[in-house]
Amino acid sequence: MKIINKIKVKFLVLILLLGLLLPYSCTENFEEYNTDKTELMEVGPKQLSGLFSMAQYQGCNWLTTDNYARMSIGVGLHLCGYISSYFTPQENNELRKGWCDSGFEKMYSKGIPPLQQVISITEANEGYDKEHAVALIWKVWMLHQVTDLWGPIPYANAGSGDETVPYDSQKDVYYQMFDDLDEAVNALNDALDSDSNANAFGGGDLIYSGDVKKWVKFANTLRLRLAIRISNIEPSKAKTEAEAAVAGETMDTNDDDALLAVETLERGNGIPRVAAWYQTLMTSSMESVMKGYQDPRMQEFFSIVEDDESFHVEGYPEELAANVGGYHGMANGYETSIEKAYFKSYSNYGPRFQSEYQYVTPINIMHSAETYFLKAEGAWLGWNMGGTAEEFYEKGIEVSIVQWREDNISSDSIQSYINSTNVPVAPNNYLYYDEPMTDIPVKFATDSEKQYEQILTQKWLALWPISFEAYSEYRRTRLPKIYAKKHSSNADIDLSKGMIVTRLTYTDDEYASQPEEVGKAISLLYNGNEDNYYTPLWWDTNTNGN
């Protein structure tokens, strides 16, 4: 595995010497062990805080200024129905191979090495159980996204530095992730029994500033997420893991939200970086649902269309110029010949995601609102979640609205939204004329099938802008009923058959450096012999197309 094994643990010092400066570490006396840039240095417990900071930031590189355009815009955001992208080939299912490959490679070449170093150090030295546990949790968070895009991946031996790094089946990856989360939570609970204010990594933790209690909640919620993911393929295992997760503390309030801080010039949120490009727009799916529901989050997710000089050029469509002052969504998979100037007639990202906030607005890692929709689905399935599906559904909506609107909305307004019988509307789209996306209201239905669709639709809204999770859930459930893409430039994705992109193909680097291992990985896929964009993953029990 060229990308993975060429960065062996003993050479991590090169990364440290070049990149592990103060922006990545809040440990005291950092200069004392980072002064000589010409000598290799021993990496040990002193460097844990900085190593973990680096692992956190690099582990979410798909969401940062580093790789946002390639992975988030190029893959997750348009495939889950959140945005329509002016990267036209990708928008029409012709994903750019090099961009996708870089997403895989950066996770293993930049995220895993410092994290594996943390894991190795905390295993070799006594007294670092808390740090070891938190590192395991972060490993699960990082690599569950990778396995949910590619399928079989290196997990058990990721970062080992071995010449050959085997792939694990996706089922084995999931089982190992459950084990890692269980081990981590037990260790952190033991630490809290000894010290109720237990802390790991301190300021080197860019999400929770080392608060062990919050990492326990994060881990249990992540475990619940993974349990729900496999509920269609292994319902018994899913039920066991889900009930174990909710037996502990989960992310229940917005104070528990996992948001990665970016307040230095050395790291940034990828969304504000690309907002100025005006190439990532509200979709007609979002318009149909949020306008129909009169959703109070719309003004935070997206911006109204502002007047632009291009609207006044002769021949500019009057229907598009009339979008000024409103929220409007572009269709996914639009005609490849569309004029770029038309894009400014559709809604861009919301105010907190504009370019001036690139180093201010934190990166969304996981929201507490998701917890309630996970519990709602579990309760809907008949699992013991500690409440009813309706209770969790309504609480999830409340927590999500408060997350985005904070103190600028009354509890009465939130309750009015929850009880609303409004339904999605037909989007006002100049190029395509669609019916309303679905007919479900916000108010929880009595019909079981509609309840399920409501849970997944409101969860989709609450996940914004965490597109990779929304994309995974869409593949698992085919909900919400987002509009199908209008065109596909990828011959393998036949829209007339209802096909969608279900996974990414293995990297060219992997094929070149360890073809036998890639061959074994392909044999572990659903069809067992093809590395393509339409093979369902292990947990995806849907037929891809008719």
Protein backbone atom coordinates (compact mmCIF):
# COMPACT_ATOMS: atom_id res chain seq x y z
CA MET A 1 0.00 0.00 0.00
CA LYS A 2 2.10 2.84 -1.31
CA ILE A 3 0.31 5.73 0.35
CA ILE A 4 -0.16 3.93 3.66
CA ASN A 5 3.09 2.06 4.15
CA LYS A 6 5.43 4.77 2.94
CA ILE A 7 4.57 6.87 5.97
CA LYS A 8 5.79 4.55 8.69
CA VAL A 9 5.61 5.48 12.31
CA LYS A 10 9.36 6.02 12.63
CA PHE A 11 9.21 8.73 9.97
CA LEU A 12 6.34 10.61 11.57
CA VAL A 13 8.90 12.95 13.03
CA LEU A 14 9.20 14.56 9.60
CA ILE A 15 5.55 15.51 9.78
CA LEU A 16 6.06 16.80 13.28
CA LEU A 17 9.05 18.91 12.38
CA LEU A 18 7.27 20.51 9.46
CA GLY A 19 3.73 20.83 10.71
CA LEU A 20 3.38 20.30 14.42
CA LEU A 21 3.78 23.93 15.43
CA LEU A 22 1.80 25.94 17.94
CA PRO A 23 -1.43 26.05 15.86
CA TYR A 24 -1.71 22.29 16.39
CA SER A 25 -0.69 22.20 20.02
CA CYS A 26 -1.51 23.90 23.25
CA THR A 27 0.97 21.87 25.27
CA GLU A 28 3.36 23.82 27.47
CA ASN A 29 7.07 23.95 26.72
CA PHE A 30 6.49 23.01 23.09
CA GLU A 31 9.49 25.04 21.95
CA GLU A 32 11.79 22.98 24.18
CA TYR A 33 11.29 19.89 22.09
CA ASN A 34 10.75 21.51 18.72
CA THR A 35 13.76 23.78 18.36
CA ASP A 36 16.18 21.80 16.21
CA LYS A 37 14.73 21.41 12.72
CA THR A 38 17.70 19.42 11.42
CA GLU A 39 17.74 16.53 13.87
CA LEU A 40 15.32 13.66 14.16
CA MET A 41 13.66 13.69 17.53
CA GLU A 42 12.06 11.07 19.70
CA VAL A 43 8.28 11.26 19.64
CA GLY A 44 6.77 10.52 23.02
CA PRO A 45 4.06 11.46 25.51
CA LYS A 46 5.00 15.15 25.45
CA GLN A 47 3.84 15.38 21.86
CA LEU A 48 0.44 13.73 22.39
CA SER A 49 -1.56 16.94 22.48
CA GLY A 50 -0.11 18.26 19.23
CA LEU A 51 -0.32 14.89 17.53
CA PHE A 52 -3.98 14.60 18.41
CA SER A 53 -4.71 18.11 17.14
CA MET A 54 -3.12 17.17 13.84
CA ALA A 55 -5.05 13.89 13.69
CA GLN A 56 -8.32 15.74 14.30
CA TYR A 57 -7.79 18.39 11.66
CA GLN A 58 -6.34 16.05 9.05
CA GLY A 59 -8.95 13.44 9.89
CA CYS A 60 -11.69 15.82 8.77
CA ASN A 61 -9.78 17.05 5.72
CA TRP A 62 -12.81 16.39 3.50
CA LEU A 63 -14.48 19.28 5.34
CA THR A 64 -11.56 21.71 5.52
CA THR A 65 -10.03 24.18 3.10
CA ASP A 66 -7.62 21.38 2.08
CA ASN A 67 -9.94 18.96 0.36
CA TYR A 68 -13.47 20.36 0.56
CA ALA A 69 -13.94 21.00 -3.14
CA ARG A 70 -12.69 17.55 -4.13
CA MET A 71 -14.64 15.45 -1.66
CA SER A 72 -17.57 17.44 -0.27
CA ILE A 73 -18.57 19.30 -3.44
CA GLY A 74 -17.31 16.56 -5.74
CA VAL A 75 -19.03 13.72 -3.90
CA GLY A 76 -21.13 14.08 -0.77
CA LEU A 77 -23.11 17.28 -1.12
CA HIS A 78 -24.75 16.67 -4.49
CA LEU A 79 -25.20 12.91 -4.05
CA CYS A 80 -27.25 13.45 -0.87
CA GLY A 81 -29.37 16.22 -2.40
CA TYR A 82 -28.03 19.12 -0.32
CA ILE A 83 -26.46 21.21 -3.07
CA SER A 84 -26.23 21.39 -6.83
CA SER A 85 -22.66 21.86 -7.98
CA TYR A 86 -21.22 23.78 -10.91
CA PHE A 87 -18.62 21.02 -11.16
CA THR A 88 -20.77 19.74 -14.01
CA PRO A 89 -19.27 16.28 -14.66
CA GLN A 90 -19.51 15.34 -10.98
CA GLU A 91 -23.02 16.78 -10.74
CA ASN A 92 -23.94 14.44 -13.60
CA ASN A 93 -22.45 11.37 -11.86
CA GLU A 94 -19.12 11.43 -13.68
CA LEU A 95 -17.04 11.65 -10.54
CA ARG A 96 -13.47 12.86 -10.94
CA LYS A 97 -11.30 9.84 -10.14
CA GLY A 98 -8.25 11.82 -8.99
CA TRP A 99 -10.32 13.88 -6.57
CA CYS A 100 -11.93 10.81 -5.04
CA ASP A 101 -8.56 9.05 -4.84
CA SER A 102 -7.16 12.02 -2.94
CA GLY A 103 -9.91 11.68 -0.35
CA PHE A 104 -8.87 8.10 0.37
CA GLU A 105 -5.17 8.87 0.28
CA LYS A 106 -5.32 11.92 2.55
CA MET A 107 -7.19 10.02 5.23
CA TYR A 108 -4.48 7.37 5.31
CA SER A 109 -1.46 9.57 4.63
CA LYS A 110 -2.30 12.59 6.78
CA GLY A 111 -5.00 11.61 9.25
CA ILE A 112 -4.00 8.09 10.27
CA PRO A 113 -0.21 8.54 10.87
CA PRO A 114 -0.42 11.08 13.73
CA LEU A 115 -3.41 9.24 15.19
CA GLN A 116 -1.63 5.89 15.04
CA GLN A 117 1.33 7.50 16.76
CA VAL A 118 -0.98 8.62 19.57
CA ILE A 119 -2.40 5.10 19.83
CA SER A 120 1.09 3.56 19.88
CA ILE A 121 2.42 5.97 22.52
CA THR A 122 -0.58 5.54 24.79
CA GLU A 123 -0.31 1.76 24.53
CA ALA A 124 3.42 1.80 25.37
CA ASN A 125 3.21 4.17 28.33
CA GLU A 126 1.22 3.80 31.53
CA GLY A 127 -1.20 6.47 32.62
CA TYR A 128 -2.61 7.40 29.21
CA ASP A 129 -5.78 5.29 29.18
CA LYS A 130 -7.99 8.34 28.61
CA GLU A 131 -5.94 9.54 25.65
CA HIS A 132 -5.87 6.05 24.16
CA ALA A 133 -9.65 5.78 24.43
CA VAL A 134 -10.31 9.14 22.80
CA ALA A 135 -7.89 8.27 19.98
CA LEU A 136 -9.81 5.03 19.34
CA ILE A 137 -13.07 6.98 19.15
CA TRP A 138 -11.56 9.39 16.63
CA LYS A 139 -10.25 6.48 14.56
CA VAL A 140 -13.79 5.10 14.34
CA TRP A 141 -15.19 8.48 13.35
CA MET A 142 -12.56 8.94 10.65
CA LEU A 143 -12.66 5.51 9.09
CA HIS A 144 -16.40 4.86 9.26
CA GLN A 145 -16.71 7.54 6.59
CA VAL A 146 -14.08 5.82 4.47
CA THR A 147 -15.69 2.38 4.68
CA ASP A 148 -19.09 3.94 3.95
CA LEU A 149 -17.76 5.25 0.64
CA TRP A 150 -15.46 2.45 -0.52
CA GLY A 151 -16.66 -0.66 1.37
CA PRO A 152 -13.79 -2.96 2.42
CA ILE A 153 -10.87 -0.86 3.69
CA PRO A 154 -7.72 -1.28 5.81
CA TYR A 155 -8.88 -0.89 9.41
CA ALA A 156 -7.20 -3.32 11.80
CA ASN A 157 -3.74 -2.65 10.36
CA ALA A 158 -4.22 0.95 9.26
CA GLY A 159 -1.07 2.92 10.02
CA SER A 160 0.98 -0.19 10.81
CA GLY A 161 3.72 0.72 8.34
CA ASP A 162 3.76 -2.82 6.96
CA GLU A 163 4.76 -3.32 3.33
CA THR A 164 1.38 -4.92 2.65
CA VAL A 165 -1.71 -3.67 4.46
CA PRO A 166 -4.71 -6.00 4.11
CA TYR A 167 -8.27 -4.83 3.60
CA ASP A 168 -11.01 -5.87 6.02
CA SER A 169 -14.51 -6.67 4.86
CA GLN A 170 -17.01 -3.96 5.68
CA LYS A 171 -18.76 -6.28 8.13
CA ASP A 172 -15.47 -6.89 9.93
CA VAL A 173 -14.74 -3.15 9.96
CA TYR A 174 -18.10 -2.48 11.60
CA TYR A 175 -17.60 -5.19 14.19
CA GLN A 176 -14.15 -3.81 15.02
CA MET A 177 -15.56 -0.30 15.29
CA PHE A 178 -18.18 -1.50 17.76
CA ASP A 179 -15.46 -3.21 19.80
CA ASP A 180 -13.26 -0.10 19.76
CA LEU A 181 -16.10 2.12 20.89
CA ASP A 182 -17.07 -0.28 23.67
CA GLU A 183 -13.46 -0.46 24.89
CA ALA A 184 -13.09 3.30 24.74
CA VAL A 185 -16.29 4.10 26.63
CA ASN A 186 -15.45 1.60 29.36
CA ALA A 187 -12.01 3.16 29.78
CA LEU A 188 -13.38 6.69 29.88
CA ASN A 189 -16.08 5.74 32.39
CA ASP A 190 -13.39 4.21 34.59
CA ALA A 191 -11.46 7.46 34.37
CA LEU A 192 -14.56 9.44 35.33
CA ASP A 193 -15.14 7.17 38.31
CA SER A 194 -11.73 8.23 39.59
CA ASP A 195 -12.01 11.89 38.56
CA SER A 196 -15.33 13.43 37.54
CA ASN A 197 -13.42 16.19 35.72
CA ALA A 198 -11.15 13.83 33.78
CA ASN A 199 -9.50 15.47 30.78
CA ALA A 200 -7.61 14.08 27.78
CA PHE A 201 -5.35 16.22 25.57
CA GLY A 202 -6.57 19.51 27.07
CA GLY A 203 -6.36 22.36 24.57
CA GLY A 204 -4.94 19.96 22.01
CA ASP A 205 -8.46 18.63 21.56
CA LEU A 206 -9.98 20.96 18.96
CA ILE A 207 -13.53 19.71 19.60
CA TYR A 208 -14.15 19.29 23.33
CA SER A 209 -10.98 20.75 24.89
CA GLY A 210 -10.33 17.36 26.45
CA ASP A 211 -13.69 16.99 28.25
CA VAL A 212 -13.93 13.21 28.79
CA LYS A 213 -17.65 13.34 29.63
CA LYS A 214 -18.38 14.78 26.21
CA TRP A 215 -16.24 12.16 24.49
CA VAL A 216 -18.29 9.44 26.20
CA LYS A 217 -21.48 11.00 24.81
CA PHE A 218 -19.91 11.35 21.37
CA ALA A 219 -18.80 7.69 21.37
CA ASN A 220 -22.20 6.37 22.44
CA THR A 221 -23.96 8.46 19.81
CA LEU A 222 -21.51 7.28 17.16
CA ARG A 223 -22.16 3.70 18.24
CA LEU A 224 -25.89 4.32 17.88
CA ARG A 225 -25.33 5.78 14.40
CA LEU A 226 -23.40 2.70 13.31
CA ALA A 227 -26.02 0.40 14.82
CA ILE A 228 -28.80 2.06 12.86
CA ARG A 229 -26.65 1.82 9.73
CA ILE A 230 -26.60 -1.98 9.83
CA SER A 231 -30.22 -2.37 10.95
CA ASN A 232 -31.39 -3.67 7.56
CA ILE A 233 -28.60 -6.20 7.10
CA GLU A 234 -28.05 -7.42 10.69
CA PRO A 235 -31.06 -6.35 12.78
CA SER A 236 -30.16 -8.45 15.81
CA LYS A 237 -26.61 -7.08 16.08
CA ALA A 238 -27.93 -3.58 15.40
CA LYS A 239 -30.48 -3.83 18.21
CA THR A 240 -27.85 -5.07 20.68
CA GLU A 241 -25.42 -2.29 19.84
CA ALA A 242 -28.09 0.42 19.80
CA GLU A 243 -29.51 -0.55 23.17
CA ALA A 244 -26.02 -0.72 24.63
CA ALA A 245 -25.31 2.77 23.27
CA VAL A 246 -28.41 4.40 24.78
CA ALA A 247 -27.82 2.65 28.11
CA GLY A 248 -25.00 5.17 28.49
CA GLU A 249 -25.04 8.93 28.07
CA THR A 250 -25.53 10.28 24.56
CA MET A 251 -25.30 13.71 22.92
CA ASP A 252 -28.55 15.24 24.15
CA THR A 253 -28.15 19.04 24.06
CA ASN A 254 -26.46 21.46 21.71
CA ASP A 255 -23.73 21.89 24.30
CA ASP A 256 -22.68 18.38 23.27
CA ASP A 257 -22.42 19.23 19.55
CA ALA A 258 -19.09 18.16 18.07
CA LEU A 259 -17.71 21.25 16.30
CA LEU A 260 -14.04 21.50 15.36
CA ALA A 261 -12.52 24.91 16.10
CA VAL A 262 -10.77 26.76 13.25
CA GLU A 263 -9.76 30.04 14.84
CA THR A 264 -6.25 30.19 13.44
CA LEU A 265 -4.96 31.03 9.99
CA GLU A 266 -3.43 27.57 9.68
CA ARG A 267 -6.72 25.73 9.45
CA GLY A 268 -10.10 26.63 8.01
CA ASN A 269 -13.67 25.57 7.30
CA GLY A 270 -14.06 24.47 3.68
CA ILE A 271 -17.57 25.83 3.19
CA PRO A 272 -16.75 29.55 3.48
CA ARG A 273 -13.78 29.04 1.20
CA VAL A 274 -15.97 27.84 -1.67
CA ALA A 275 -19.02 30.03 -1.01
CA ALA A 276 -17.42 32.93 -2.87
CA TRP A 277 -17.09 30.76 -5.98
CA TYR A 278 -20.89 30.62 -6.28
CA GLN A 279 -20.70 27.05 -7.47
CA THR A 280 -22.59 25.32 -4.65
CA LEU A 281 -26.30 26.05 -4.61
CA MET A 282 -29.45 25.11 -2.77
CA THR A 283 -31.19 22.21 -4.50
CA SER A 284 -34.77 22.00 -5.68
CA SER A 285 -35.21 19.19 -3.12
CA MET A 286 -34.24 21.58 -0.32
CA GLU A 287 -36.46 24.30 -1.77
CA SER A 288 -39.48 22.01 -1.99
CA VAL A 289 -39.18 20.83 1.62
CA MET A 290 -37.98 23.96 3.40
CA LYS A 291 -40.34 26.34 1.62
CA GLY A 292 -43.27 24.01 2.05
CA TYR A 293 -42.61 23.54 5.74
CA GLN A 294 -41.78 27.24 6.18
CA ASP A 295 -38.68 25.92 7.87
CA PRO A 296 -37.02 28.46 10.18
CA ARG A 297 -33.58 26.99 9.44
CA MET A 298 -33.68 27.94 5.76
CA GLN A 299 -32.29 31.43 6.42
CA GLU A 300 -29.27 29.86 8.15
CA PHE A 301 -28.63 27.13 5.63
CA PHE A 302 -28.98 29.34 2.55
CA SER A 303 -28.99 32.97 1.42
CA ILE A 304 -31.60 34.91 -0.51
CA VAL A 305 -30.77 35.62 -4.14
CA GLU A 306 -29.21 39.06 -4.44
CA ASP A 307 -29.38 41.31 -7.46
CA ASP A 308 -26.45 40.98 -9.87
CA GLU A 309 -25.43 42.91 -12.95
CA SER A 310 -25.63 39.75 -15.08
CA PHE A 311 -29.40 39.65 -14.50
CA HIS A 312 -29.77 42.86 -16.50
CA VAL A 313 -27.90 41.71 -19.57
CA GLU A 314 -30.07 41.40 -22.67
CA GLY A 315 -31.37 37.90 -23.08
CA TYR A 316 -31.08 36.92 -19.41
CA PRO A 317 -34.21 34.86 -18.56
CA GLU A 318 -36.79 37.03 -16.84
CA GLU A 319 -37.93 34.08 -14.77
CA LEU A 320 -34.44 33.76 -13.28
CA ALA A 321 -34.01 37.48 -12.71
CA ALA A 322 -37.26 37.37 -10.76
CA ASN A 323 -35.61 35.09 -8.19
CA VAL A 324 -34.03 38.13 -6.53
CA GLY A 325 -35.12 38.43 -2.91
CA GLY A 326 -36.16 34.81 -2.48
CA TYR A 327 -34.76 31.34 -1.81
CA HIS A 328 -34.46 29.17 -4.89
CA GLY A 329 -32.98 25.76 -5.62
CA MET A 330 -31.22 24.36 -8.67
CA ALA A 331 -32.06 20.86 -9.92
CA ASN A 332 -29.48 18.12 -9.40
CA GLY A 333 -28.05 16.78 -12.66
CA TYR A 334 -28.97 19.87 -14.67
CA GLU A 335 -28.23 20.24 -18.39
CA THR A 336 -24.50 20.40 -19.01
CA SER A 337 -24.95 23.40 -21.31
CA ILE A 338 -26.41 25.68 -18.63
CA GLU A 339 -24.94 29.17 -18.52
CA LYS A 340 -22.72 29.74 -15.49
CA ALA A 341 -24.28 33.19 -15.10
CA TYR A 342 -27.59 31.50 -14.27
CA PHE A 343 -26.10 30.13 -11.07
CA LYS A 344 -26.32 33.48 -9.32
CA SER A 345 -30.10 33.28 -9.59
CA TYR A 346 -30.11 30.46 -7.04
CA SER A 347 -29.40 30.47 -3.32
CA ASN A 348 -25.84 30.18 -2.05
CA TYR A 349 -24.74 29.03 1.41
CA GLY A 350 -26.14 30.87 4.41
CA PRO A 351 -24.66 33.90 6.20
CA ARG A 352 -22.42 32.07 8.68
CA PHE A 353 -20.79 30.18 5.80
CA GLN A 354 -19.72 33.20 3.77
CA SER A 355 -16.04 33.71 2.90
CA GLU A 356 -15.22 36.11 5.74
CA TYR A 357 -15.98 33.33 8.23
CA GLN A 358 -13.52 30.78 6.84
CA TYR A 359 -11.47 30.92 10.04
CA VAL A 360 -14.39 31.58 12.38
CA THR A 361 -17.26 29.15 11.72
CA PRO A 362 -16.34 25.75 13.20
CA ILE A 363 -16.50 22.54 11.19
CA ASN A 364 -19.61 20.44 11.80
CA ILE A 365 -18.58 16.97 12.98
CA MET A 366 -21.73 15.61 14.67
CA HIS A 367 -24.93 17.23 15.96
CA SER A 368 -26.85 16.30 19.09
CA ALA A 369 -30.11 16.53 17.12
CA GLU A 370 -29.05 13.40 15.23
CA THR A 371 -29.23 11.44 18.48
CA TYR A 372 -32.97 11.90 18.68
CA PHE A 373 -33.65 10.81 15.12
CA LEU A 374 -31.49 7.72 15.66
CA LYS A 375 -33.48 6.94 18.79
CA ALA A 376 -36.72 7.67 16.94
CA GLU A 377 -35.87 5.11 14.27
CA GLY A 378 -34.79 2.61 16.91
CA ALA A 379 -38.08 3.07 18.77
CA TRP A 380 -39.96 2.80 15.46
CA LEU A 381 -38.22 -0.56 14.98
CA GLY A 382 -39.39 -1.68 18.41
CA TRP A 383 -36.06 -1.37 20.22
CA ASN A 384 -35.75 -0.12 23.78
CA MET A 385 -34.64 3.47 23.30
CA GLY A 386 -36.19 4.86 26.47
CA GLY A 387 -39.10 6.63 24.79
CA THR A 388 -41.42 6.64 21.80
CA ALA A 389 -40.60 7.37 18.19
CA GLU A 390 -42.86 10.44 18.26
CA GLU A 391 -41.21 11.87 21.38
CA PHE A 392 -37.73 11.51 19.94
CA TYR A 393 -38.81 12.82 16.54
CA GLU A 394 -40.26 16.00 18.01
CA LYS A 395 -37.29 16.52 20.33
CA GLY A 396 -34.88 16.10 17.42
CA ILE A 397 -36.66 18.86 15.49
CA GLU A 398 -36.59 21.15 18.52
CA VAL A 399 -32.88 20.61 19.20
CA SER A 400 -32.00 21.15 15.54
CA ILE A 401 -33.95 24.40 15.23
CA VAL A 402 -32.42 25.73 18.45
CA GLN A 403 -28.96 24.73 17.18
CA TRP A 404 -29.31 26.97 14.14
CA ARG A 405 -31.61 29.72 15.38
CA GLU A 406 -30.27 29.86 18.96
CA ASP A 407 -32.16 32.54 20.88
CA ASN A 408 -33.79 34.07 17.80
CA ILE A 409 -36.88 31.90 17.84
CA SER A 410 -39.52 31.30 20.48
CA SER A 411 -40.53 27.94 21.90
CA ASP A 412 -44.06 28.63 20.63
CA SER A 413 -42.74 29.03 17.08
CA ILE A 414 -40.85 25.75 17.35
CA GLN A 415 -43.93 23.97 18.64
CA SER A 416 -46.00 25.47 15.84
CA TYR A 417 -43.51 24.04 13.32
CA ILE A 418 -43.62 20.61 14.97
CA ASN A 419 -47.43 20.56 14.80
CA SER A 420 -47.58 21.94 11.28
CA THR A 421 -49.59 20.16 8.61
CA ASN A 422 -47.78 22.09 5.85
CA VAL A 423 -46.35 19.88 3.12
CA PRO A 424 -43.54 20.37 0.58
CA VAL A 425 -44.28 22.54 -2.43
CA ALA A 426 -43.35 22.47 -6.10
CA PRO A 427 -39.97 24.19 -6.49
CA ASN A 428 -39.88 27.36 -8.57
CA ASN A 429 -37.27 26.17 -11.05
CA TYR A 430 -36.87 27.86 -14.42
CA LEU A 431 -35.27 24.84 -16.10
CA TYR A 432 -37.39 21.99 -14.73
CA TYR A 433 -40.90 21.75 -13.35
CA ASP A 434 -41.30 19.16 -10.63
CA GLU A 435 -44.16 18.17 -8.39
CA PRO A 436 -43.67 18.57 -4.61
CA MET A 437 -40.92 16.26 -3.41
CA THR A 438 -43.28 14.34 -1.12
CA ASP A 439 -46.65 14.74 0.62
CA ILE A 440 -45.68 14.24 4.26
CA PRO A 441 -46.26 17.05 6.79
CA VAL A 442 -44.06 17.83 9.78
CA LYS A 443 -46.73 16.75 12.27
CA PHE A 444 -46.06 13.12 13.19
CA ALA A 445 -48.37 10.80 11.27
CA THR A 446 -50.44 7.87 12.46
CA ASP A 447 -49.42 5.77 9.47
CA SER A 448 -46.26 3.77 10.23
CA GLU A 449 -44.75 4.08 6.75
CA LYS A 450 -45.21 7.84 6.73
CA GLN A 451 -43.67 8.05 10.20
CA TYR A 452 -40.53 6.40 8.90
CA GLU A 453 -40.31 8.83 5.99
CA GLN A 454 -40.85 11.76 8.37
CA ILE A 455 -38.07 10.60 10.68
CA LEU A 456 -35.59 10.27 7.80
CA THR A 457 -36.66 13.54 6.15
CA GLN A 458 -36.27 15.60 9.31
CA LYS A 459 -33.03 13.80 10.08
CA TRP A 460 -31.75 14.83 6.63
CA LEU A 461 -32.48 18.45 7.49
CA ALA A 462 -30.90 18.13 10.94
CA LEU A 463 -27.70 16.62 9.53
CA TRP A 464 -26.99 19.67 7.34
CA PRO A 465 -24.22 20.31 6.26
CA ILE A 466 -22.74 16.89 7.19
CA SER A 467 -23.21 15.55 3.68
CA PHE A 468 -21.35 12.24 3.94
CA GLU A 469 -23.62 11.04 6.71
CA ALA A 470 -26.69 12.24 4.82
CA TYR A 471 -25.42 10.41 1.73
CA SER A 472 -24.89 7.19 3.68
CA GLU A 473 -28.39 7.39 5.11
CA TYR A 474 -29.86 8.10 1.69
CA ARG A 475 -28.21 4.99 0.27
CA ARG A 476 -29.36 2.91 3.24
CA THR A 477 -32.99 4.05 3.14
CA ARG A 478 -33.49 5.86 -0.21
CA LEU A 479 -35.02 8.59 1.94
CA PRO A 480 -35.84 11.41 1.86
CA LYS A 481 -37.43 11.25 -1.56
CA ILE A 482 -35.03 13.74 -3.11
CA TYR A 483 -35.50 14.46 -6.80
CA ALA A 484 -33.57 12.16 -9.08
CA LYS A 485 -30.79 13.75 -11.09
CA LYS A 486 -31.99 15.02 -14.45
CA HIS A 487 -28.98 13.68 -16.37
CA SER A 488 -26.16 11.22 -15.91
CA SER A 489 -22.93 11.43 -17.89
CA ASN A 490 -21.79 8.17 -16.31
CA ALA A 491 -22.89 5.30 -18.55
CA ASP A 492 -22.87 2.94 -15.58
CA ILE A 493 -25.55 4.99 -13.76
CA ASP A 494 -28.73 4.58 -15.79
CA LEU A 495 -31.29 7.06 -14.47
CA SER A 496 -34.08 5.42 -16.44
CA LYS A 497 -33.60 2.39 -14.19
CA GLY A 498 -33.54 4.48 -11.02
CA MET A 499 -29.83 3.93 -10.43
CA ILE A 500 -27.66 6.09 -8.15
CA VAL A 501 -23.96 6.21 -7.30
CA THR A 502 -23.54 3.86 -4.35
CA ARG A 503 -19.77 3.78 -3.74
CA LEU A 504 -16.38 5.01 -4.93
CA THR A 505 -13.81 2.90 -6.77
CA TYR A 506 -10.40 1.99 -5.35
CA THR A 507 -7.52 4.32 -6.00
CA ASP A 508 -5.06 4.06 -8.85
CA ASP A 509 -2.26 4.14 -6.30
CA GLU A 510 -3.64 1.09 -4.55
CA TYR A 511 -4.00 -0.81 -7.79
CA ALA A 512 -0.37 -0.03 -8.62
CA SER A 513 1.19 -0.71 -5.21
CA GLN A 514 -0.73 -3.70 -3.86
CA PRO A 515 -2.98 -5.14 -6.56
CA GLU A 516 -3.42 -8.46 -4.76
CA GLU A 517 -4.89 -6.77 -1.70
CA VAL A 518 -7.18 -4.67 -3.85
CA GLY A 519 -8.27 -7.83 -5.63
CA LYS A 520 -9.13 -9.39 -2.28
CA ALA A 521 -11.06 -6.27 -1.31
CA ILE A 522 -13.09 -6.42 -4.52
CA SER A 523 -13.93 -10.05 -3.80
CA LEU A 524 -15.46 -8.87 -0.52
CA LEU A 525 -17.88 -6.52 -2.29
CA TYR A 526 -21.51 -7.43 -2.90
CA ASN A 527 -20.96 -8.67 -6.44
CA GLY A 528 -17.52 -10.04 -5.64
CA ASN A 529 -15.81 -9.21 -8.90
CA GLU A 530 -16.40 -5.59 -9.95
CA ASP A 531 -14.99 -2.34 -8.64
CA ASN A 532 -17.59 0.14 -9.85
CA TYR A 533 -19.84 3.02 -8.83
CA TYR A 534 -23.11 1.10 -8.64
CA THR A 535 -22.33 -1.88 -6.40
CA PRO A 536 -24.24 -1.59 -3.11
CA LEU A 537 -22.25 -1.67 0.10
CA TRP A 538 -22.72 -4.42 2.68
CA TRP A 539 -25.33 -2.52 4.70
CA ASP A 540 -27.19 -1.23 1.61
CA THR A 541 -29.92 -3.80 1.00
CA ASN A 542 -31.63 -1.84 -1.78
CA THR A 543 -31.68 -2.91 -5.40
CA ASN A 544 -29.79 -0.25 -7.31
CA GLY A 545 -32.20 0.30 -10.15
CA ASN A 546 -35.13 -1.70 -11.44
